[in-house]
Amino acid sequence: MQFNNAGFWIRVAAALIDGLILMVPSGLVVFGLAGGSAIWEGLAADTPADPFMIMAQFLPAGIGLLYYVIMNGTWGATLGKMAVHIKIVRADGSPIGYGIALARYLIKGILGNCTCSLMFLSVAFNPEYRGWHDQIVDTRVIYTP
């Protein structure tokens, strides 16, 4: 089966749009928790761990995980991908579902952290524009009509 695989730069554009979209809720969470942290420090001077700052580290990651898994699992695309008319499908063209969306997100995060994000260049150098994370979970990113 022939697919019109999305190239490297269009995927970068989608990722930038998604990053801008995620900045809003993540920023609001961190800003709100920073205010709670300031209050916490005023109330408890001898506490070893500030629960607000701990939450400020983990909640934005949770927001990102939910965003990518729900959007990709439901529609095969995030808002950024929708904006540039691309989506994620299985290698045979079928929808990916939530399980593959979660696996793809986690593998992309692990490989990105282990390679200082250089693994994203694997998209640019693969003839089908499939990154390592796509190859591992057997997905591809294609243009939508």
C-alpha atoms as a PDB file:
ATOM      1  CA  MET A   1       0.000   0.000   0.000  1.00  0.00           C
ATOM      2  CA  GLN A   2       1.330   3.458  -0.914  1.00  0.00           C
ATOM      3  CA  PHE A   3       1.297   6.274   1.630  1.00  0.00           C
ATOM      4  CA  ASN A   4       2.088   9.938   1.296  1.00  0.00           C
ATOM      5  CA  ASN A   5       4.432  10.085   4.293  1.00  0.00           C
ATOM      6  CA  ALA A   6       4.835  13.438   6.024  1.00  0.00           C
ATOM      7  CA  GLY A   7       8.369  14.802   5.873  1.00  0.00           C
ATOM      8  CA  PHE A   8      10.634  16.071   8.610  1.00  0.00           C
ATOM      9  CA  TRP A   9       9.879  19.809   8.456  1.00  0.00           C
ATOM     10  CA  ILE A  10       6.098  19.476   8.423  1.00  0.00           C
ATOM     11  CA  ARG A  11       6.394  17.301  11.512  1.00  0.00           C
ATOM     12  CA  VAL A  12       8.617  19.938  13.139  1.00  0.00           C
ATOM     13  CA  ALA A  13       5.933  22.556  12.389  1.00  0.00           C
ATOM     14  CA  ALA A  14       3.276  20.363  14.018  1.00  0.00           C
ATOM     15  CA  ALA A  15       5.488  19.838  17.076  1.00  0.00           C
ATOM     16  CA  LEU A  16       6.042  23.590  17.422  1.00  0.00           C
ATOM     17  CA  ILE A  17       2.294  24.233  17.282  1.00  0.00           C
ATOM     18  CA  ASP A  18       1.701  21.535  19.899  1.00  0.00           C
ATOM     19  CA  GLY A  19       4.412  23.054  22.090  1.00  0.00           C
ATOM     20  CA  LEU A  20       2.736  26.452  21.927  1.00  0.00           C
ATOM     21  CA  ILE A  21      -0.645  24.891  22.732  1.00  0.00           C
ATOM     22  CA  LEU A  22       0.755  23.016  25.733  1.00  0.00           C
ATOM     23  CA  MET A  23       2.512  26.108  27.063  1.00  0.00           C
ATOM     24  CA  VAL A  24      -0.813  27.624  28.114  1.00  0.00           C
ATOM     25  CA  PRO A  25      -2.159  24.925  30.480  1.00  0.00           C
ATOM     26  CA  SER A  26       1.311  23.978  31.698  1.00  0.00           C
ATOM     27  CA  GLY A  27       2.177  27.609  32.358  1.00  0.00           C
ATOM     28  CA  LEU A  28      -1.046  28.172  34.254  1.00  0.00           C
ATOM     29  CA  VAL A  29      -0.423  25.099  36.404  1.00  0.00           C
ATOM     30  CA  VAL A  30       3.165  26.084  37.180  1.00  0.00           C
ATOM     31  CA  PHE A  31       2.200  29.717  37.827  1.00  0.00           C
ATOM     32  CA  GLY A  32      -0.612  28.647  40.155  1.00  0.00           C
ATOM     33  CA  LEU A  33       1.584  26.185  41.994  1.00  0.00           C
ATOM     34  CA  ALA A  34       4.371  28.746  42.362  1.00  0.00           C
ATOM     35  CA  GLY A  35       1.889  30.968  44.173  1.00  0.00           C
ATOM     36  CA  GLY A  36       0.974  28.050  46.414  1.00  0.00           C
ATOM     37  CA  SER A  37       4.657  27.439  47.000  1.00  0.00           C
ATOM     38  CA  ALA A  38       5.176  31.030  48.139  1.00  0.00           C
ATOM     39  CA  ILE A  39       2.320  30.644  50.611  1.00  0.00           C
ATOM     40  CA  TRP A  40       3.705  27.285  51.760  1.00  0.00           C
ATOM     41  CA  GLU A  41       7.123  28.775  52.452  1.00  0.00           C
ATOM     42  CA  GLY A  42       5.504  31.558  54.469  1.00  0.00           C
ATOM     43  CA  LEU A  43       3.562  29.084  56.603  1.00  0.00           C
ATOM     44  CA  ALA A  44       6.131  26.342  57.154  1.00  0.00           C
ATOM     45  CA  ALA A  45       9.727  27.454  57.416  1.00  0.00           C
ATOM     46  CA  ASP A  46      11.261  24.080  58.340  1.00  0.00           C
ATOM     47  CA  THR A  47       9.628  21.757  55.790  1.00  0.00           C
ATOM     48  CA  PRO A  48      12.063  19.657  53.748  1.00  0.00           C
ATOM     49  CA  ALA A  49       9.907  19.279  50.631  1.00  0.00           C
ATOM     50  CA  ASP A  50       7.589  21.817  49.097  1.00  0.00           C
ATOM     51  CA  PRO A  51       4.575  19.865  47.774  1.00  0.00           C
ATOM     52  CA  PHE A  52       3.642  22.648  45.364  1.00  0.00           C
ATOM     53  CA  MET A  53       7.028  22.595  43.657  1.00  0.00           C
ATOM     54  CA  ILE A  54       6.939  18.800  43.434  1.00  0.00           C
ATOM     55  CA  MET A  55       3.549  19.027  41.726  1.00  0.00           C
ATOM     56  CA  ALA A  56       4.849  21.813  39.450  1.00  0.00           C
ATOM     57  CA  GLN A  57       7.435  19.369  38.135  1.00  0.00           C
ATOM     58  CA  PHE A  58       5.072  16.473  37.465  1.00  0.00           C
ATOM     59  CA  LEU A  59       1.733  18.016  36.457  1.00  0.00           C
ATOM     60  CA  PRO A  60       2.949  19.563  33.166  1.00  0.00           C
ATOM     61  CA  ALA A  61       4.351  16.158  32.179  1.00  0.00           C
ATOM     62  CA  GLY A  62       0.976  14.611  32.969  1.00  0.00           C
ATOM     63  CA  ILE A  63      -0.789  17.250  30.907  1.00  0.00           C
ATOM     64  CA  GLY A  64       1.485  16.460  27.949  1.00  0.00           C
ATOM     65  CA  LEU A  65       0.956  12.723  28.319  1.00  0.00           C
ATOM     66  CA  LEU A  66      -2.831  13.107  28.423  1.00  0.00           C
ATOM     67  CA  TYR A  67      -2.829  15.530  25.494  1.00  0.00           C
ATOM     68  CA  TYR A  68      -0.767  13.329  23.186  1.00  0.00           C
ATOM     69  CA  VAL A  69      -2.344  10.005  24.143  1.00  0.00           C
ATOM     70  CA  ILE A  70      -5.950  11.210  24.032  1.00  0.00           C
ATOM     71  CA  MET A  71      -5.561  13.249  20.840  1.00  0.00           C
ATOM     72  CA  ASN A  72      -3.508  10.655  18.961  1.00  0.00           C
ATOM     73  CA  GLY A  73      -5.521   7.735  20.302  1.00  0.00           C
ATOM     74  CA  THR A  74      -8.864   9.321  19.393  1.00  0.00           C
ATOM     75  CA  TRP A  75      -8.157  11.198  16.157  1.00  0.00           C
ATOM     76  CA  GLY A  76      -4.694  10.010  15.169  1.00  0.00           C
ATOM     77  CA  ALA A  77      -3.471  13.595  15.388  1.00  0.00           C
ATOM     78  CA  THR A  78      -2.812  16.377  17.845  1.00  0.00           C
ATOM     79  CA  LEU A  79      -4.019  19.908  17.195  1.00  0.00           C
ATOM     80  CA  GLY A  80      -0.618  20.704  15.671  1.00  0.00           C
ATOM     81  CA  LYS A  81      -0.831  17.760  13.300  1.00  0.00           C
ATOM     82  CA  MET A  82      -4.410  18.679  12.405  1.00  0.00           C
ATOM     83  CA  ALA A  83      -3.303  22.232  11.609  1.00  0.00           C
ATOM     84  CA  VAL A  84      -0.761  20.988   9.052  1.00  0.00           C
ATOM     85  CA  HIS A  85      -2.978  18.137   7.780  1.00  0.00           C
ATOM     86  CA  ILE A  86      -0.998  15.128   8.943  1.00  0.00           C
ATOM     87  CA  LYS A  87      -1.870  12.191  11.185  1.00  0.00           C
ATOM     88  CA  ILE A  88      -0.408   9.039  12.727  1.00  0.00           C
ATOM     89  CA  VAL A  89      -1.551   5.648  11.456  1.00  0.00           C
ATOM     90  CA  ARG A  90      -0.367   2.084  11.848  1.00  0.00           C
ATOM     91  CA  ALA A  91       1.923   0.785   9.121  1.00  0.00           C
ATOM     92  CA  ASP A  92      -1.094  -0.670   7.295  1.00  0.00           C
ATOM     93  CA  GLY A  93      -3.009   2.636   7.463  1.00  0.00           C
ATOM     94  CA  SER A  94      -5.391   1.699  10.275  1.00  0.00           C
ATOM     95  CA  PRO A  95      -5.958   3.920  13.354  1.00  0.00           C
ATOM     96  CA  ILE A  96      -3.458   3.613  16.187  1.00  0.00           C
ATOM     97  CA  GLY A  97      -5.744   3.623  19.249  1.00  0.00           C
ATOM     98  CA  TYR A  98      -4.805   4.518  22.813  1.00  0.00           C
ATOM     99  CA  GLY A  99      -2.377   1.664  23.494  1.00  0.00           C
ATOM    100  CA  ILE A 100      -0.109   2.460  20.579  1.00  0.00           C
ATOM    101  CA  ALA A 101      -0.485   6.194  21.236  1.00  0.00           C
ATOM    102  CA  LEU A 102       0.759   5.652  24.803  1.00  0.00           C
ATOM    103  CA  ALA A 103       3.594   3.332  23.736  1.00  0.00           C
ATOM    104  CA  ARG A 104       4.675   5.758  21.006  1.00  0.00           C
ATOM    105  CA  TYR A 105       4.655   8.702  23.439  1.00  0.00           C
ATOM    106  CA  LEU A 106       6.685   6.847  26.073  1.00  0.00           C
ATOM    107  CA  ILE A 107       9.200   5.434  23.582  1.00  0.00           C
ATOM    108  CA  LYS A 108       9.604   8.851  21.966  1.00  0.00           C
ATOM    109  CA  GLY A 109      10.248  10.374  25.391  1.00  0.00           C
ATOM    110  CA  ILE A 110      12.711   7.698  26.477  1.00  0.00           C
ATOM    111  CA  LEU A 111      14.650   7.739  23.210  1.00  0.00           C
ATOM    112  CA  GLY A 112      14.596  11.531  23.130  1.00  0.00           C
ATOM    113  CA  ASN A 113      16.051  11.743  26.640  1.00  0.00           C
ATOM    114  CA  CYS A 114      18.655   9.031  26.017  1.00  0.00           C
ATOM    115  CA  THR A 115      19.903  10.648  22.805  1.00  0.00           C
ATOM    116  CA  CYS A 116      19.565  14.340  23.760  1.00  0.00           C
ATOM    117  CA  SER A 117      16.719  14.527  21.231  1.00  0.00           C
ATOM    118  CA  LEU A 118      19.033  13.580  18.356  1.00  0.00           C
ATOM    119  CA  MET A 119      16.765  10.600  17.633  1.00  0.00           C
ATOM    120  CA  PHE A 120      14.312  13.019  16.039  1.00  0.00           C
ATOM    121  CA  LEU A 121      16.801  13.374  13.192  1.00  0.00           C
ATOM    122  CA  SER A 122      16.057   9.735  12.377  1.00  0.00           C
ATOM    123  CA  VAL A 123      12.852  11.054  10.755  1.00  0.00           C
ATOM    124  CA  ALA A 124      14.867  13.220   8.369  1.00  0.00           C
ATOM    125  CA  PHE A 125      17.222  10.449   7.298  1.00  0.00           C
ATOM    126  CA  ASN A 126      14.750   7.591   6.887  1.00  0.00           C
ATOM    127  CA  PRO A 127      13.498   7.170   3.287  1.00  0.00           C
ATOM    128  CA  GLU A 128       9.913   6.782   4.564  1.00  0.00           C
ATOM    129  CA  TYR A 129      10.348   9.586   7.167  1.00  0.00           C
ATOM    130  CA  ARG A 130       9.727   7.105   9.969  1.00  0.00           C
ATOM    131  CA  GLY A 131      11.586   7.892  13.171  1.00  0.00           C
ATOM    132  CA  TRP A 132      12.903   5.243  15.532  1.00  0.00           C
ATOM    133  CA  HIS A 133       9.784   5.619  17.670  1.00  0.00           C
ATOM    134  CA  ASP A 134       7.615   5.042  14.571  1.00  0.00           C
ATOM    135  CA  GLN A 135       9.598   1.969  13.595  1.00  0.00           C
ATOM    136  CA  ILE A 136       9.434   0.455  17.082  1.00  0.00           C
ATOM    137  CA  VAL A 137       5.630   0.756  17.383  1.00  0.00           C
ATOM    138  CA  ASP A 138       5.071   0.260  13.635  1.00  0.00           C
ATOM    139  CA  THR A 139       3.442   3.605  12.854  1.00  0.00           C
ATOM    140  CA  ARG A 140       3.862   6.253  10.181  1.00  0.00           C
ATOM    141  CA  VAL A 141       2.859   9.901   9.869  1.00  0.00           C
ATOM    142  CA  ILE A 142       0.967  10.642   6.660  1.00  0.00           C
ATOM    143  CA  TYR A 143      -0.656  13.607   4.977  1.00  0.00           C
ATOM    144  CA  THR A 144      -4.433  13.798   5.249  1.00  0.00           C
ATOM    145  CA  PRO A 145      -6.632  15.045   2.412  1.00  0.00           C
END
